Amino acid sequence: MARRLECHRCGYIWEYSGTFQKATCPSCSAKVPVERQSTEESLEDIAADYDLSVRELKEILRRVRPRKES
């Protein structure tokens, strides 16, 4: 899942798909913080990739990984 980042030093904008907390700007090598997406935003991205609604994706996930009962 790629995220759009903007460098605070030079203003360069790029798509970052890594997993680190900071990305290196390809233009000026500044370290740019990567904000974590909320779970709901992540579900929206995944659902869009598969042409599903978030509700449909949640239902699929429930079937694959049922909740543990206490």
PDB file of N, CA and C in Angstrom:
ATOM      1  N   MET A   1       0.845  -1.169   0.000  1.00  0.00           N
ATOM      2  CA  MET A   1       0.000   0.000   0.000  1.00  0.00           C
ATOM      3  C   MET A   1       0.898   1.243   0.000  1.00  0.00           C
ATOM      4  N   ALA A   2       0.831   1.986  -1.051  1.00  0.00           N
ATOM      5  CA  ALA A   2       1.661   3.182  -1.174  1.00  0.00           C
ATOM      6  C   ALA A   2       0.991   4.380  -0.504  1.00  0.00           C
ATOM      7  N   ARG A   3       1.837   5.224   0.039  1.00  0.00           N
ATOM      8  CA  ARG A   3       1.363   6.475   0.658  1.00  0.00           C
ATOM      9  C   ARG A   3       2.038   7.635  -0.039  1.00  0.00           C
ATOM     10  N   ARG A   4       1.311   8.705  -0.198  1.00  0.00           N
ATOM     11  CA  ARG A   4       1.886   9.898  -0.805  1.00  0.00           C
ATOM     12  C   ARG A   4       2.561  10.718   0.296  1.00  0.00           C
ATOM     13  N   LEU A   5       3.847  10.974   0.115  1.00  0.00           N
ATOM     14  CA  LEU A   5       4.612  11.765   1.080  1.00  0.00           C
ATOM     15  C   LEU A   5       5.098  13.046   0.430  1.00  0.00           C
ATOM     16  N   GLU A   6       5.266  14.068   1.261  1.00  0.00           N
ATOM     17  CA  GLU A   6       5.833  15.327   0.792  1.00  0.00           C
ATOM     18  C   GLU A   6       6.997  15.690   1.703  1.00  0.00           C
ATOM     19  N   CYS A   7       8.121  15.987   1.096  1.00  0.00           N
ATOM     20  CA  CYS A   7       9.325  16.346   1.858  1.00  0.00           C
ATOM     21  C   CYS A   7       9.159  17.734   2.470  1.00  0.00           C
ATOM     22  N   HIS A   8       9.439  17.825   3.766  1.00  0.00           N
ATOM     23  CA  HIS A   8       9.338  19.104   4.464  1.00  0.00           C
ATOM     24  C   HIS A   8      10.480  20.049   4.095  1.00  0.00           C
ATOM     25  N   ARG A   9      11.575  19.500   3.564  1.00  0.00           N
ATOM     26  CA  ARG A   9      12.727  20.336   3.211  1.00  0.00           C
ATOM     27  C   ARG A   9      12.613  20.906   1.793  1.00  0.00           C
ATOM     28  N   CYS A  10      12.380  20.048   0.793  1.00  0.00           N
ATOM     29  CA  CYS A  10      12.407  20.515  -0.601  1.00  0.00           C
ATOM     30  C   CYS A  10      11.037  20.534  -1.277  1.00  0.00           C
ATOM     31  N   GLY A  11      10.013  19.932  -0.629  1.00  0.00           N
ATOM     32  CA  GLY A  11       8.669  19.939  -1.200  1.00  0.00           C
ATOM     33  C   GLY A  11       8.396  18.832  -2.205  1.00  0.00           C
ATOM     34  N   TYR A  12       9.365  17.961  -2.431  1.00  0.00           N
ATOM     35  CA  TYR A  12       9.186  16.859  -3.390  1.00  0.00           C
ATOM     36  C   TYR A  12       8.077  15.923  -2.900  1.00  0.00           C
ATOM     37  N   ILE A  13       7.230  15.458  -3.822  1.00  0.00           N
ATOM     38  CA  ILE A  13       6.128  14.557  -3.488  1.00  0.00           C
ATOM     39  C   ILE A  13       6.360  13.234  -4.208  1.00  0.00           C
ATOM     40  N   TRP A  14       6.203  12.120  -3.476  1.00  0.00           N
ATOM     41  CA  TRP A  14       6.375  10.797  -4.069  1.00  0.00           C
ATOM     42  C   TRP A  14       5.518   9.767  -3.357  1.00  0.00           C
ATOM     43  N   GLU A  15       5.356   8.614  -4.007  1.00  0.00           N
ATOM     44  CA  GLU A  15       4.610   7.495  -3.442  1.00  0.00           C
ATOM     45  C   GLU A  15       5.587   6.597  -2.682  1.00  0.00           C
ATOM     46  N   TYR A  16       5.320   6.371  -1.396  1.00  0.00           N
ATOM     47  CA  TYR A  16       6.176   5.550  -0.546  1.00  0.00           C
ATOM     48  C   TYR A  16       5.410   4.295  -0.152  1.00  0.00           C
ATOM     49  N   SER A  17       6.013   3.143  -0.380  1.00  0.00           N
ATOM     50  CA  SER A  17       5.333   1.891  -0.038  1.00  0.00           C
ATOM     51  C   SER A  17       6.121   1.069   0.979  1.00  0.00           C
ATOM     52  N   GLY A  18       7.090   1.680   1.616  1.00  0.00           N
ATOM     53  CA  GLY A  18       7.891   0.976   2.613  1.00  0.00           C
ATOM     54  C   GLY A  18       7.170   0.828   3.941  1.00  0.00           C
ATOM     55  N   THR A  19       7.886   0.284   4.920  1.00  0.00           N
ATOM     56  CA  THR A  19       7.289   0.026   6.226  1.00  0.00           C
ATOM     57  C   THR A  19       7.985   0.763   7.367  1.00  0.00           C
ATOM     58  N   PHE A  20       8.954   1.583   7.051  1.00  0.00           N
ATOM     59  CA  PHE A  20       9.688   2.286   8.091  1.00  0.00           C
ATOM     60  C   PHE A  20       8.928   3.503   8.608  1.00  0.00           C
ATOM     61  N   GLN A  21       9.304   3.981   9.798  1.00  0.00           N
ATOM     62  CA  GLN A  21       8.659   5.159  10.382  1.00  0.00           C
ATOM     63  C   GLN A  21       9.118   6.445   9.715  1.00  0.00           C
ATOM     64  N   LYS A  22      10.264   6.395   9.053  1.00  0.00           N
ATOM     65  CA  LYS A  22      10.769   7.553   8.310  1.00  0.00           C
ATOM     66  C   LYS A  22      11.219   7.076   6.934  1.00  0.00           C
ATOM     67  N   ALA A  23      10.933   7.902   5.921  1.00  0.00           N
ATOM     68  CA  ALA A  23      11.346   7.614   4.554  1.00  0.00           C
ATOM     69  C   ALA A  23      12.400   8.634   4.157  1.00  0.00           C
ATOM     70  N   THR A  24      13.259   8.267   3.228  1.00  0.00           N
ATOM     71  CA  THR A  24      14.281   9.176   2.734  1.00  0.00           C
ATOM     72  C   THR A  24      13.793   9.811   1.441  1.00  0.00           C
ATOM     73  N   CYS A  25      13.790  11.128   1.407  1.00  0.00           N
ATOM     74  CA  CYS A  25      13.355  11.849   0.219  1.00  0.00           C
ATOM     75  C   CYS A  25      14.273  11.506  -0.945  1.00  0.00           C
ATOM     76  N   PRO A  26      13.718  11.078  -2.094  1.00  0.00           N
ATOM     77  CA  PRO A  26      14.553  10.748  -3.246  1.00  0.00           C
ATOM     78  C   PRO A  26      15.229  11.966  -3.867  1.00  0.00           C
ATOM     79  N   SER A  27      14.739  13.152  -3.556  1.00  0.00           N
ATOM     80  CA  SER A  27      15.294  14.360  -4.150  1.00  0.00           C
ATOM     81  C   SER A  27      16.449  14.949  -3.338  1.00  0.00           C
ATOM     82  N   CYS A  28      16.250  15.070  -2.004  1.00  0.00           N
ATOM     83  CA  CYS A  28      17.270  15.756  -1.192  1.00  0.00           C
ATOM     84  C   CYS A  28      17.815  14.916  -0.043  1.00  0.00           C
ATOM     85  N   SER A  29      17.335  13.685   0.111  1.00  0.00           N
ATOM     86  CA  SER A  29      17.778  12.741   1.145  1.00  0.00           C
ATOM     87  C   SER A  29      17.380  13.105   2.572  1.00  0.00           C
ATOM     88  N   ALA A  30      16.450  14.044   2.723  1.00  0.00           N
ATOM     89  CA  ALA A  30      15.949  14.363   4.065  1.00  0.00           C
ATOM     90  C   ALA A  30      15.120  13.185   4.582  1.00  0.00           C
ATOM     91  N   LYS A  31      15.096  13.007   5.893  1.00  0.00           N
ATOM     92  CA  LYS A  31      14.270  11.976   6.521  1.00  0.00           C
ATOM     93  C   LYS A  31      12.872  12.551   6.747  1.00  0.00           C
ATOM     94  N   VAL A  32      11.869  11.883   6.171  1.00  0.00           N
ATOM     95  CA  VAL A  32      10.482  12.360   6.233  1.00  0.00           C
ATOM     96  C   VAL A  32       9.675  11.383   7.072  1.00  0.00           C
ATOM     97  N   PRO A  33       8.998  11.855   8.129  1.00  0.00           N
ATOM     98  CA  PRO A  33       8.187  10.955   8.951  1.00  0.00           C
ATOM     99  C   PRO A  33       7.023  10.369   8.148  1.00  0.00           C
ATOM    100  N   VAL A  34       6.751   9.093   8.386  1.00  0.00           N
ATOM    101  CA  VAL A  34       5.645   8.406   7.720  1.00  0.00           C
ATOM    102  C   VAL A  34       4.543   8.226   8.753  1.00  0.00           C
ATOM    103  N   GLU A  35       3.402   8.857   8.513  1.00  0.00           N
ATOM    104  CA  GLU A  35       2.282   8.734   9.438  1.00  0.00           C
ATOM    105  C   GLU A  35       1.598   7.392   9.227  1.00  0.00           C
ATOM    106  N   ARG A  36       1.216   6.766  10.302  1.00  0.00           N
ATOM    107  CA  ARG A  36       0.486   5.504  10.206  1.00  0.00           C
ATOM    108  C   ARG A  36      -0.955   5.803   9.848  1.00  0.00           C
ATOM    109  N   GLN A  37      -1.523   4.969   8.990  1.00  0.00           N
ATOM    110  CA  GLN A  37      -2.919   5.122   8.627  1.00  0.00           C
ATOM    111  C   GLN A  37      -3.782   4.426   9.658  1.00  0.00           C
ATOM    112  N   SER A  38      -4.976   4.938   9.820  1.00  0.00           N
ATOM    113  CA  SER A  38      -5.909   4.271  10.713  1.00  0.00           C
ATOM    114  C   SER A  38      -6.350   2.961  10.075  1.00  0.00           C
ATOM    115  N   THR A  39      -6.868   2.050  10.883  1.00  0.00           N
ATOM    116  CA  THR A  39      -7.338   0.766  10.372  1.00  0.00           C
ATOM    117  C   THR A  39      -8.428   0.966   9.339  1.00  0.00           C
ATOM    118  N   GLU A  40      -9.321   1.907   9.577  1.00  0.00           N
ATOM    119  CA  GLU A  40     -10.422   2.136   8.638  1.00  0.00           C
ATOM    120  C   GLU A  40      -9.893   2.606   7.285  1.00  0.00           C
ATOM    121  N   GLU A  41      -8.882   3.498   7.284  1.00  0.00           N
ATOM    122  CA  GLU A  41      -8.298   3.948   6.021  1.00  0.00           C
ATOM    123  C   GLU A  41      -7.631   2.789   5.290  1.00  0.00           C
ATOM    124  N   SER A  42      -6.951   1.924   6.028  1.00  0.00           N
ATOM    125  CA  SER A  42      -6.299   0.769   5.419  1.00  0.00           C
ATOM    126  C   SER A  42      -7.336  -0.155   4.796  1.00  0.00           C
ATOM    127  N   LEU A  43      -8.436  -0.387   5.488  1.00  0.00           N
ATOM    128  CA  LEU A  43      -9.498  -1.231   4.943  1.00  0.00           C
ATOM    129  C   LEU A  43     -10.078  -0.616   3.672  1.00  0.00           C
ATOM    130  N   GLU A  44     -10.218   0.696   3.644  1.00  0.00           N
ATOM    131  CA  GLU A  44     -10.731   1.356   2.438  1.00  0.00           C
ATOM    132  C   GLU A  44      -9.789   1.138   1.260  1.00  0.00           C
ATOM    133  N   ASP A  45      -8.485   1.229   1.502  1.00  0.00           N
ATOM    134  CA  ASP A  45      -7.507   1.016   0.437  1.00  0.00           C
ATOM    135  C   ASP A  45      -7.556  -0.419  -0.079  1.00  0.00           C
ATOM    136  N   ILE A  46      -7.608  -1.379   0.834  1.00  0.00           N
ATOM    137  CA  ILE A  46      -7.645  -2.793   0.447  1.00  0.00           C
ATOM    138  C   ILE A  46      -8.936  -3.096  -0.305  1.00  0.00           C
ATOM    139  N   ALA A  47     -10.057  -2.607   0.209  1.00  0.00           N
ATOM    140  CA  ALA A  47     -11.347  -2.843  -0.449  1.00  0.00           C
ATOM    141  C   ALA A  47     -11.339  -2.274  -1.862  1.00  0.00           C
ATOM    142  N   ALA A  48     -10.779  -1.097  -2.030  1.00  0.00           N
ATOM    143  CA  ALA A  48     -10.728  -0.475  -3.356  1.00  0.00           C
ATOM    144  C   ALA A  48      -9.885  -1.301  -4.320  1.00  0.00           C
ATOM    145  N   ASP A  49      -8.801  -1.881  -3.817  1.00  0.00           N
ATOM    146  CA  ASP A  49      -7.934  -2.712  -4.663  1.00  0.00           C
ATOM    147  C   ASP A  49      -8.683  -3.905  -5.238  1.00  0.00           C
ATOM    148  N   TYR A  50      -9.662  -4.418  -4.499  1.00  0.00           N
ATOM    149  CA  TYR A  50     -10.406  -5.605  -4.927  1.00  0.00           C
ATOM    150  C   TYR A  50     -11.835  -5.290  -5.363  1.00  0.00           C
ATOM    151  N   ASP A  51     -12.129  -4.011  -5.547  1.00  0.00           N
ATOM    152  CA  ASP A  51     -13.450  -3.570  -5.986  1.00  0.00           C
ATOM    153  C   ASP A  51     -14.554  -4.087  -5.060  1.00  0.00           C
ATOM    154  N   LEU A  52     -14.327  -3.932  -3.752  1.00  0.00           N
ATOM    155  CA  LEU A  52     -15.288  -4.336  -2.731  1.00  0.00           C
ATOM    156  C   LEU A  52     -15.662  -3.119  -1.894  1.00  0.00           C
ATOM    157  N   SER A  53     -16.759  -3.229  -1.163  1.00  0.00           N
ATOM    158  CA  SER A  53     -17.070  -2.203  -0.175  1.00  0.00           C
ATOM    159  C   SER A  53     -16.338  -2.592   1.118  1.00  0.00           C
ATOM    160  N   VAL A  54     -16.164  -1.644   2.017  1.00  0.00           N
ATOM    161  CA  VAL A  54     -15.512  -1.945   3.293  1.00  0.00           C
ATOM    162  C   VAL A  54     -16.333  -2.979   4.059  1.00  0.00           C
ATOM    163  N   ARG A  55     -17.652  -2.870   3.981  1.00  0.00           N
ATOM    164  CA  ARG A  55     -18.524  -3.831   4.661  1.00  0.00           C
ATOM    165  C   ARG A  55     -18.296  -5.248   4.122  1.00  0.00           C
ATOM    166  N   GLU A  56     -18.182  -5.398   2.798  1.00  0.00           N
ATOM    167  CA  GLU A  56     -17.925  -6.718   2.208  1.00  0.00           C
ATOM    168  C   GLU A  56     -16.574  -7.268   2.652  1.00  0.00           C
ATOM    169  N   LEU A  57     -15.565  -6.397   2.697  1.00  0.00           N
ATOM    170  CA  LEU A  57     -14.238  -6.822   3.129  1.00  0.00           C
ATOM    171  C   LEU A  57     -14.248  -7.266   4.587  1.00  0.00           C
ATOM    172  N   LYS A  58     -14.939  -6.517   5.458  1.00  0.00           N
ATOM    173  CA  LYS A  58     -15.026  -6.896   6.870  1.00  0.00           C
ATOM    174  C   LYS A  58     -15.699  -8.254   7.030  1.00  0.00           C
ATOM    175  N   GLU A  59     -16.724  -8.518   6.228  1.00  0.00           N
ATOM    176  CA  GLU A  59     -17.411  -9.810   6.293  1.00  0.00           C
ATOM    177  C   GLU A  59     -16.481 -10.944   5.873  1.00  0.00           C
ATOM    178  N   ILE A  60     -15.711 -10.724   4.845  1.00  0.00           N
ATOM    179  CA  ILE A  60     -14.736 -11.738   4.406  1.00  0.00           C
ATOM    180  C   ILE A  60     -13.721 -11.996   5.511  1.00  0.00           C
ATOM    181  N   LEU A  61     -13.226 -10.944   6.129  1.00  0.00           N
ATOM    182  CA  LEU A  61     -12.238 -11.098   7.201  1.00  0.00           C
ATOM    183  C   LEU A  61     -12.826 -11.833   8.403  1.00  0.00           C
ATOM    184  N   ARG A  62     -14.103 -11.584   8.718  1.00  0.00           N
ATOM    185  CA  ARG A  62     -14.750 -12.299   9.831  1.00  0.00           C
ATOM    186  C   ARG A  62     -14.812 -13.795   9.546  1.00  0.00           C
ATOM    187  N   ARG A  63     -15.097 -14.154   8.300  1.00  0.00           N
ATOM    188  CA  ARG A  63     -15.189 -15.571   7.946  1.00  0.00           C
ATOM    189  C   ARG A  63     -13.820 -16.249   7.990  1.00  0.00           C
ATOM    190  N   VAL A  64     -12.797 -15.517   7.585  1.00  0.00           N
ATOM    191  CA  VAL A  64     -11.454 -16.089   7.545  1.00  0.00           C
ATOM    192  C   VAL A  64     -10.847 -16.171   8.935  1.00  0.00           C
ATOM    193  N   ARG A  65     -11.057 -15.159   9.736  1.00  0.00           N
ATOM    194  CA  ARG A  65     -10.466 -15.105  11.074  1.00  0.00           C
ATOM    195  C   ARG A  65     -11.542 -14.771  12.093  1.00  0.00           C
ATOM    196  N   PRO A  66     -12.281 -15.778  12.559  1.00  0.00           N
ATOM    197  CA  PRO A  66     -13.338 -15.522  13.536  1.00  0.00           C
ATOM    198  C   PRO A  66     -12.769 -14.966  14.840  1.00  0.00           C
ATOM    199  N   ARG A  67     -13.580 -14.180  15.519  1.00  0.00           N
ATOM    200  CA  ARG A  67     -13.163 -13.593  16.802  1.00  0.00           C
ATOM    201  C   ARG A  67     -13.065 -14.664  17.862  1.00  0.00           C
ATOM    202  N   LYS A  68     -12.095 -14.488  18.756  1.00  0.00           N
ATOM    203  CA  LYS A  68     -11.946 -15.420  19.877  1.00  0.00           C
ATOM    204  C   LYS A  68     -12.999 -15.086  20.935  1.00  0.00           C
ATOM    205  N   GLU A  69     -13.603 -16.102  21.483  1.00  0.00           N
ATOM    206  CA  GLU A  69     -14.570 -15.870  22.552  1.00  0.00           C
ATOM    207  C   GLU A  69     -13.887 -16.037  23.889  1.00  0.00           C
ATOM    208  N   SER A  70     -14.208 -15.155  24.815  1.00  0.00           N
ATOM    209  CA  SER A  70     -13.557 -15.177  26.139  1.00  0.00           C
ATOM    210  C   SER A  70     -14.306 -16.055  27.099  1.00  0.00           C
TER     211      SER A  70
END
